[in-house]
Amino acid sequence: MRKIFAVLLIFVVLMSCTAEAAKKKSKSSSSSKSSAVTTAPDSVLPKRGDIAILVEGDEEQFVKLAESKIIDSLISHGYRVVDEAKMKQAKLAATRAQAARYAMQGNVAAILKLNHHYSCAATVIARVQVAQPVQNQFNLYTGNATAAIIAVTSNGTKLGGKTSLSKQVAYTEYETQVKSLEAAVEEGMQQLY
């Protein structure tokens, strides 16, 4: 009899804990739906629709390298990327339109306008910076790069936002820069999946 009572007591306690957790979850989801833009670290990029990519940085060669690395990462995870013609239009708009410039600065409202204008499910925006490598006592080069990557979905959910830093060693300055940038972008993209 005592065993049955103990099992029933444990069952009631577990059920009440489960009910409390469900209440907390529903309260948090209803409060996040009320705001226009949400930050959802556990969310991922939407699989439906195309993903636009805007990358900026100090040197064009590293911007193009980061862009191609982001595209490869998205495709390898099963995402579709906005076709090249649309991306050229978006980049051209970024140089002309104030909203596009704000989007490059991470302004969510401006990114939502771009998503709507180009019919994108999300826009990934990256800022990359590659430092000048330093030669060490072993005649190897040590260099680092940073990649700040965010994404905003068409419903206003902001993903990512952490800046990734990578430090790499290689035989030449350029190889060090490429390796460190690729590693920083790869790490930065992982927060979006």
C-alpha atoms as a PDB file:
ATOM      1  CA  MET A   1       0.000   0.000   0.000  1.00  0.00           C
ATOM      2  CA  ARG A   2       2.820   2.389   0.873  1.00  0.00           C
ATOM      3  CA  LYS A   3       4.531   1.641  -2.444  1.00  0.00           C
ATOM      4  CA  ILE A   4       1.373   2.472  -4.390  1.00  0.00           C
ATOM      5  CA  PHE A   5       0.940   5.687  -2.424  1.00  0.00           C
ATOM      6  CA  ALA A   6       4.594   6.658  -3.047  1.00  0.00           C
ATOM      7  CA  VAL A   7       4.285   5.969  -6.799  1.00  0.00           C
ATOM      8  CA  LEU A   8       1.068   8.007  -6.984  1.00  0.00           C
ATOM      9  CA  LEU A   9       2.699  10.871  -5.080  1.00  0.00           C
ATOM     10  CA  ILE A  10       5.678  10.880  -7.455  1.00  0.00           C
ATOM     11  CA  PHE A  11       3.298  10.789 -10.421  1.00  0.00           C
ATOM     12  CA  VAL A  12       1.324  13.812  -9.108  1.00  0.00           C
ATOM     13  CA  VAL A  13       4.530  15.789  -8.470  1.00  0.00           C
ATOM     14  CA  LEU A  14       5.817  15.045 -11.973  1.00  0.00           C
ATOM     15  CA  MET A  15       2.507  16.056 -13.544  1.00  0.00           C
ATOM     16  CA  SER A  16       2.444  19.357 -11.665  1.00  0.00           C
ATOM     17  CA  CYS A  17       6.042  20.110 -12.705  1.00  0.00           C
ATOM     18  CA  THR A  18       5.166  19.357 -16.325  1.00  0.00           C
ATOM     19  CA  ALA A  19       2.109  21.632 -16.135  1.00  0.00           C
ATOM     20  CA  GLU A  20       4.199  24.480 -14.667  1.00  0.00           C
ATOM     21  CA  ALA A  21       6.808  24.097 -17.417  1.00  0.00           C
ATOM     22  CA  ALA A  22       4.079  24.185 -20.088  1.00  0.00           C
ATOM     23  CA  LYS A  23       2.624  27.380 -18.569  1.00  0.00           C
ATOM     24  CA  LYS A  24       6.036  29.077 -18.543  1.00  0.00           C
ATOM     25  CA  LYS A  25       6.683  28.037 -22.141  1.00  0.00           C
ATOM     26  CA  SER A  26       3.304  29.355 -23.347  1.00  0.00           C
ATOM     27  CA  LYS A  27       3.822  32.656 -21.494  1.00  0.00           C
ATOM     28  CA  SER A  28       7.277  33.143 -23.020  1.00  0.00           C
ATOM     29  CA  SER A  29       6.090  32.275 -26.540  1.00  0.00           C
ATOM     30  CA  SER A  30       3.071  34.612 -26.281  1.00  0.00           C
ATOM     31  CA  SER A  31       5.253  37.480 -25.034  1.00  0.00           C
ATOM     32  CA  SER A  32       7.751  36.966 -27.856  1.00  0.00           C
ATOM     33  CA  LYS A  33       4.958  37.000 -30.452  1.00  0.00           C
ATOM     34  CA  SER A  34       3.787  40.393 -29.264  1.00  0.00           C
ATOM     35  CA  SER A  35       7.005  42.171 -30.243  1.00  0.00           C
ATOM     36  CA  ALA A  36       7.722  42.945 -33.898  1.00  0.00           C
ATOM     37  CA  VAL A  37      11.288  41.637 -33.867  1.00  0.00           C
ATOM     38  CA  THR A  38      12.454  38.715 -31.809  1.00  0.00           C
ATOM     39  CA  THR A  39      15.884  37.361 -31.084  1.00  0.00           C
ATOM     40  CA  ALA A  40      15.773  33.593 -31.117  1.00  0.00           C
ATOM     41  CA  PRO A  41      19.083  31.911 -30.392  1.00  0.00           C
ATOM     42  CA  ASP A  42      17.529  28.445 -30.699  1.00  0.00           C
ATOM     43  CA  SER A  43      15.923  29.174 -34.072  1.00  0.00           C
ATOM     44  CA  VAL A  44      17.405  28.391 -37.423  1.00  0.00           C
ATOM     45  CA  LEU A  45      17.178  29.882 -40.885  1.00  0.00           C
ATOM     46  CA  PRO A  46      13.976  28.996 -42.725  1.00  0.00           C
ATOM     47  CA  LYS A  47      14.358  26.145 -45.226  1.00  0.00           C
ATOM     48  CA  ARG A  48      11.672  27.551 -47.517  1.00  0.00           C
ATOM     49  CA  GLY A  49      12.628  30.438 -49.776  1.00  0.00           C
ATOM     50  CA  ASP A  50      15.892  31.985 -50.838  1.00  0.00           C
ATOM     51  CA  ILE A  51      18.545  33.448 -48.564  1.00  0.00           C
ATOM     52  CA  ALA A  52      20.181  36.749 -49.530  1.00  0.00           C
ATOM     53  CA  ILE A  53      23.782  37.455 -48.558  1.00  0.00           C
ATOM     54  CA  LEU A  54      25.381  40.852 -48.037  1.00  0.00           C
ATOM     55  CA  VAL A  55      29.044  40.987 -46.981  1.00  0.00           C
ATOM     56  CA  GLU A  56      31.166  44.019 -46.277  1.00  0.00           C
ATOM     57  CA  GLY A  57      34.780  44.435 -45.321  1.00  0.00           C
ATOM     58  CA  ASP A  58      37.913  46.461 -45.948  1.00  0.00           C
ATOM     59  CA  GLU A  59      39.395  44.411 -48.802  1.00  0.00           C
ATOM     60  CA  GLU A  60      37.355  43.219 -51.776  1.00  0.00           C
ATOM     61  CA  GLN A  61      39.235  39.916 -52.135  1.00  0.00           C
ATOM     62  CA  PHE A  62      38.341  38.927 -48.577  1.00  0.00           C
ATOM     63  CA  VAL A  63      34.740  40.090 -48.995  1.00  0.00           C
ATOM     64  CA  LYS A  64      34.377  37.809 -52.029  1.00  0.00           C
ATOM     65  CA  LEU A  65      36.058  34.934 -50.197  1.00  0.00           C
ATOM     66  CA  ALA A  66      33.718  35.336 -47.211  1.00  0.00           C
ATOM     67  CA  GLU A  67      30.696  35.548 -49.504  1.00  0.00           C
ATOM     68  CA  SER A  68      31.632  32.343 -51.314  1.00  0.00           C
ATOM     69  CA  LYS A  69      32.278  30.579 -47.991  1.00  0.00           C
ATOM     70  CA  ILE A  70      28.835  31.665 -46.699  1.00  0.00           C
ATOM     71  CA  ILE A  71      27.158  30.485 -49.917  1.00  0.00           C
ATOM     72  CA  ASP A  72      28.951  27.117 -49.720  1.00  0.00           C
ATOM     73  CA  SER A  73      27.938  26.740 -46.075  1.00  0.00           C
ATOM     74  CA  LEU A  74      24.291  27.528 -46.801  1.00  0.00           C
ATOM     75  CA  ILE A  75      24.120  25.165 -49.776  1.00  0.00           C
ATOM     76  CA  SER A  76      25.817  22.353 -47.842  1.00  0.00           C
ATOM     77  CA  HIS A  77      23.118  22.705 -45.150  1.00  0.00           C
ATOM     78  CA  GLY A  78      20.305  22.469 -47.721  1.00  0.00           C
ATOM     79  CA  TYR A  79      19.439  26.149 -48.177  1.00  0.00           C
ATOM     80  CA  ARG A  80      18.758  27.970 -51.426  1.00  0.00           C
ATOM     81  CA  VAL A  81      20.657  31.160 -52.093  1.00  0.00           C
ATOM     82  CA  VAL A  82      19.328  34.148 -54.030  1.00  0.00           C
ATOM     83  CA  ASP A  83      20.472  33.936 -57.635  1.00  0.00           C
ATOM     84  CA  GLU A  84      23.439  36.017 -58.753  1.00  0.00           C
ATOM     85  CA  ALA A  85      21.407  38.556 -60.753  1.00  0.00           C
ATOM     86  CA  LYS A  86      19.218  39.402 -57.739  1.00  0.00           C
ATOM     87  CA  MET A  87      22.295  39.612 -55.523  1.00  0.00           C
ATOM     88  CA  LYS A  88      23.897  42.109 -57.913  1.00  0.00           C
ATOM     89  CA  GLN A  89      20.730  44.222 -57.718  1.00  0.00           C
ATOM     90  CA  ALA A  90      20.776  44.046 -53.914  1.00  0.00           C
ATOM     91  CA  LYS A  91      24.453  45.025 -53.776  1.00  0.00           C
ATOM     92  CA  LEU A  92      23.867  47.879 -56.190  1.00  0.00           C
ATOM     93  CA  ALA A  93      20.937  49.007 -54.041  1.00  0.00           C
ATOM     94  CA  ALA A  94      23.207  48.816 -51.004  1.00  0.00           C
ATOM     95  CA  THR A  95      25.487  51.416 -52.532  1.00  0.00           C
ATOM     96  CA  ARG A  96      22.581  53.723 -53.468  1.00  0.00           C
ATOM     97  CA  ALA A  97      19.659  53.319 -51.115  1.00  0.00           C
ATOM     98  CA  GLN A  98      19.651  54.527 -47.542  1.00  0.00           C
ATOM     99  CA  ALA A  99      17.583  51.509 -46.424  1.00  0.00           C
ATOM    100  CA  ALA A 100      20.166  49.155 -47.905  1.00  0.00           C
ATOM    101  CA  ARG A 101      22.984  51.000 -46.132  1.00  0.00           C
ATOM    102  CA  TYR A 102      21.043  50.697 -42.877  1.00  0.00           C
ATOM    103  CA  ALA A 103      20.578  46.996 -43.603  1.00  0.00           C
ATOM    104  CA  MET A 104      24.342  46.583 -43.912  1.00  0.00           C
ATOM    105  CA  GLN A 105      24.629  48.203 -40.473  1.00  0.00           C
ATOM    106  CA  GLY A 106      22.261  45.589 -39.032  1.00  0.00           C
ATOM    107  CA  ASN A 107      19.096  47.727 -38.920  1.00  0.00           C
ATOM    108  CA  VAL A 108      16.315  45.137 -38.690  1.00  0.00           C
ATOM    109  CA  ALA A 109      13.591  47.317 -40.233  1.00  0.00           C
ATOM    110  CA  ALA A 110      15.814  47.966 -43.254  1.00  0.00           C
ATOM    111  CA  ILE A 111      16.619  44.260 -43.584  1.00  0.00           C
ATOM    112  CA  LEU A 112      12.897  43.451 -43.502  1.00  0.00           C
ATOM    113  CA  LYS A 113      12.357  45.928 -46.362  1.00  0.00           C
ATOM    114  CA  LEU A 114      15.098  44.217 -48.368  1.00  0.00           C
ATOM    115  CA  ASN A 115      13.625  40.781 -47.621  1.00  0.00           C
ATOM    116  CA  HIS A 116      10.236  41.950 -48.841  1.00  0.00           C
ATOM    117  CA  HIS A 117      11.610  43.783 -51.890  1.00  0.00           C
ATOM    118  CA  TYR A 118      13.665  40.806 -53.097  1.00  0.00           C
ATOM    119  CA  SER A 119      11.207  38.108 -51.856  1.00  0.00           C
ATOM    120  CA  CYS A 120      13.786  36.515 -49.549  1.00  0.00           C
ATOM    121  CA  ALA A 121      13.090  34.198 -46.640  1.00  0.00           C
ATOM    122  CA  ALA A 122      16.059  35.752 -44.808  1.00  0.00           C
ATOM    123  CA  THR A 123      19.099  37.943 -45.300  1.00  0.00           C
ATOM    124  CA  VAL A 124      22.508  37.040 -43.928  1.00  0.00           C
ATOM    125  CA  ILE A 125      24.718  40.053 -43.276  1.00  0.00           C
ATOM    126  CA  ALA A 126      28.403  39.646 -42.511  1.00  0.00           C
ATOM    127  CA  ARG A 127      31.164  42.076 -41.676  1.00  0.00           C
ATOM    128  CA  VAL A 128      34.630  40.596 -42.072  1.00  0.00           C
ATOM    129  CA  GLN A 129      38.023  41.918 -41.113  1.00  0.00           C
ATOM    130  CA  VAL A 130      41.398  40.310 -41.686  1.00  0.00           C
ATOM    131  CA  ALA A 131      44.463  41.485 -39.775  1.00  0.00           C
ATOM    132  CA  GLN A 132      47.976  41.699 -41.179  1.00  0.00           C
ATOM    133  CA  PRO A 133      49.822  38.473 -40.230  1.00  0.00           C
ATOM    134  CA  VAL A 134      52.940  38.538 -38.069  1.00  0.00           C
ATOM    135  CA  GLN A 135      55.973  36.333 -38.673  1.00  0.00           C
ATOM    136  CA  ASN A 136      57.065  34.326 -35.659  1.00  0.00           C
ATOM    137  CA  GLN A 137      60.476  32.923 -34.669  1.00  0.00           C
ATOM    138  CA  PHE A 138      59.831  29.726 -36.671  1.00  0.00           C
ATOM    139  CA  ASN A 139      59.358  31.694 -39.938  1.00  0.00           C
ATOM    140  CA  LEU A 140      55.642  30.930 -39.906  1.00  0.00           C
ATOM    141  CA  TYR A 141      52.938  33.560 -40.107  1.00  0.00           C
ATOM    142  CA  THR A 142      50.274  33.982 -37.472  1.00  0.00           C
ATOM    143  CA  GLY A 143      47.157  35.889 -38.392  1.00  0.00           C
ATOM    144  CA  ASN A 144      43.624  36.434 -37.252  1.00  0.00           C
ATOM    145  CA  ALA A 145      40.292  37.371 -38.758  1.00  0.00           C
ATOM    146  CA  THR A 146      36.879  38.276 -37.427  1.00  0.00           C
ATOM    147  CA  ALA A 147      33.440  37.648 -38.875  1.00  0.00           C
ATOM    148  CA  ALA A 148      30.329  39.278 -37.409  1.00  0.00           C
ATOM    149  CA  ILE A 149      27.360  37.445 -38.898  1.00  0.00           C
ATOM    150  CA  ILE A 150      23.647  38.026 -38.328  1.00  0.00           C
ATOM    151  CA  ALA A 151      20.546  36.923 -40.177  1.00  0.00           C
ATOM    152  CA  VAL A 152      17.058  38.369 -40.140  1.00  0.00           C
ATOM    153  CA  THR A 153      14.156  36.279 -41.394  1.00  0.00           C
ATOM    154  CA  SER A 154      11.203  37.715 -43.274  1.00  0.00           C
ATOM    155  CA  ASN A 155       9.081  37.502 -40.109  1.00  0.00           C
ATOM    156  CA  GLY A 156      11.587  39.625 -38.162  1.00  0.00           C
ATOM    157  CA  THR A 157      13.417  36.947 -36.199  1.00  0.00           C
ATOM    158  CA  LYS A 158      17.042  37.906 -35.654  1.00  0.00           C
ATOM    159  CA  LEU A 159      19.537  35.035 -35.640  1.00  0.00           C
ATOM    160  CA  GLY A 160      23.190  35.017 -34.688  1.00  0.00           C
ATOM    161  CA  GLY A 161      24.999  38.169 -33.709  1.00  0.00           C
ATOM    162  CA  LYS A 162      28.153  36.765 -32.165  1.00  0.00           C
ATOM    163  CA  THR A 163      31.468  37.846 -33.616  1.00  0.00           C
ATOM    164  CA  SER A 164      33.753  34.935 -34.416  1.00  0.00           C
ATOM    165  CA  LEU A 165      37.508  35.271 -34.128  1.00  0.00           C
ATOM    166  CA  SER A 166      39.934  32.831 -35.679  1.00  0.00           C
ATOM    167  CA  LYS A 167      43.701  32.684 -35.284  1.00  0.00           C
ATOM    168  CA  GLN A 168      45.652  30.543 -37.761  1.00  0.00           C
ATOM    169  CA  VAL A 169      49.273  29.732 -38.601  1.00  0.00           C
ATOM    170  CA  ALA A 170      50.605  29.125 -42.121  1.00  0.00           C
ATOM    171  CA  TYR A 171      53.699  29.402 -44.300  1.00  0.00           C
ATOM    172  CA  THR A 172      52.717  32.584 -46.179  1.00  0.00           C
ATOM    173  CA  GLU A 173      50.922  35.788 -45.229  1.00  0.00           C
ATOM    174  CA  TYR A 174      48.100  35.261 -47.730  1.00  0.00           C
ATOM    175  CA  GLU A 175      47.551  31.627 -46.739  1.00  0.00           C
ATOM    176  CA  THR A 176      47.296  32.709 -43.103  1.00  0.00           C
ATOM    177  CA  GLN A 177      44.750  35.385 -43.971  1.00  0.00           C
ATOM    178  CA  VAL A 178      42.638  32.982 -46.046  1.00  0.00           C
ATOM    179  CA  LYS A 179      42.710  30.224 -43.432  1.00  0.00           C
ATOM    180  CA  SER A 180      41.807  32.562 -40.585  1.00  0.00           C
ATOM    181  CA  LEU A 181      38.958  34.191 -42.536  1.00  0.00           C
ATOM    182  CA  GLU A 182      37.508  30.851 -43.641  1.00  0.00           C
ATOM    183  CA  ALA A 183      37.613  29.525 -40.076  1.00  0.00           C
ATOM    184  CA  ALA A 184      35.986  32.689 -38.673  1.00  0.00           C
ATOM    185  CA  VAL A 185      33.178  32.592 -41.254  1.00  0.00           C
ATOM    186  CA  GLU A 186      32.600  28.873 -40.718  1.00  0.00           C
ATOM    187  CA  GLU A 187      32.335  29.364 -36.952  1.00  0.00           C
ATOM    188  CA  GLY A 188      30.060  32.375 -37.401  1.00  0.00           C
ATOM    189  CA  MET A 189      27.703  30.502 -39.711  1.00  0.00           C
ATOM    190  CA  GLN A 190      27.241  27.657 -37.208  1.00  0.00           C
ATOM    191  CA  GLN A 191      25.135  29.930 -35.000  1.00  0.00           C
ATOM    192  CA  LEU A 192      22.516  30.157 -37.785  1.00  0.00           C
ATOM    193  CA  TYR A 193      21.818  26.414 -38.093  1.00  0.00           C
END
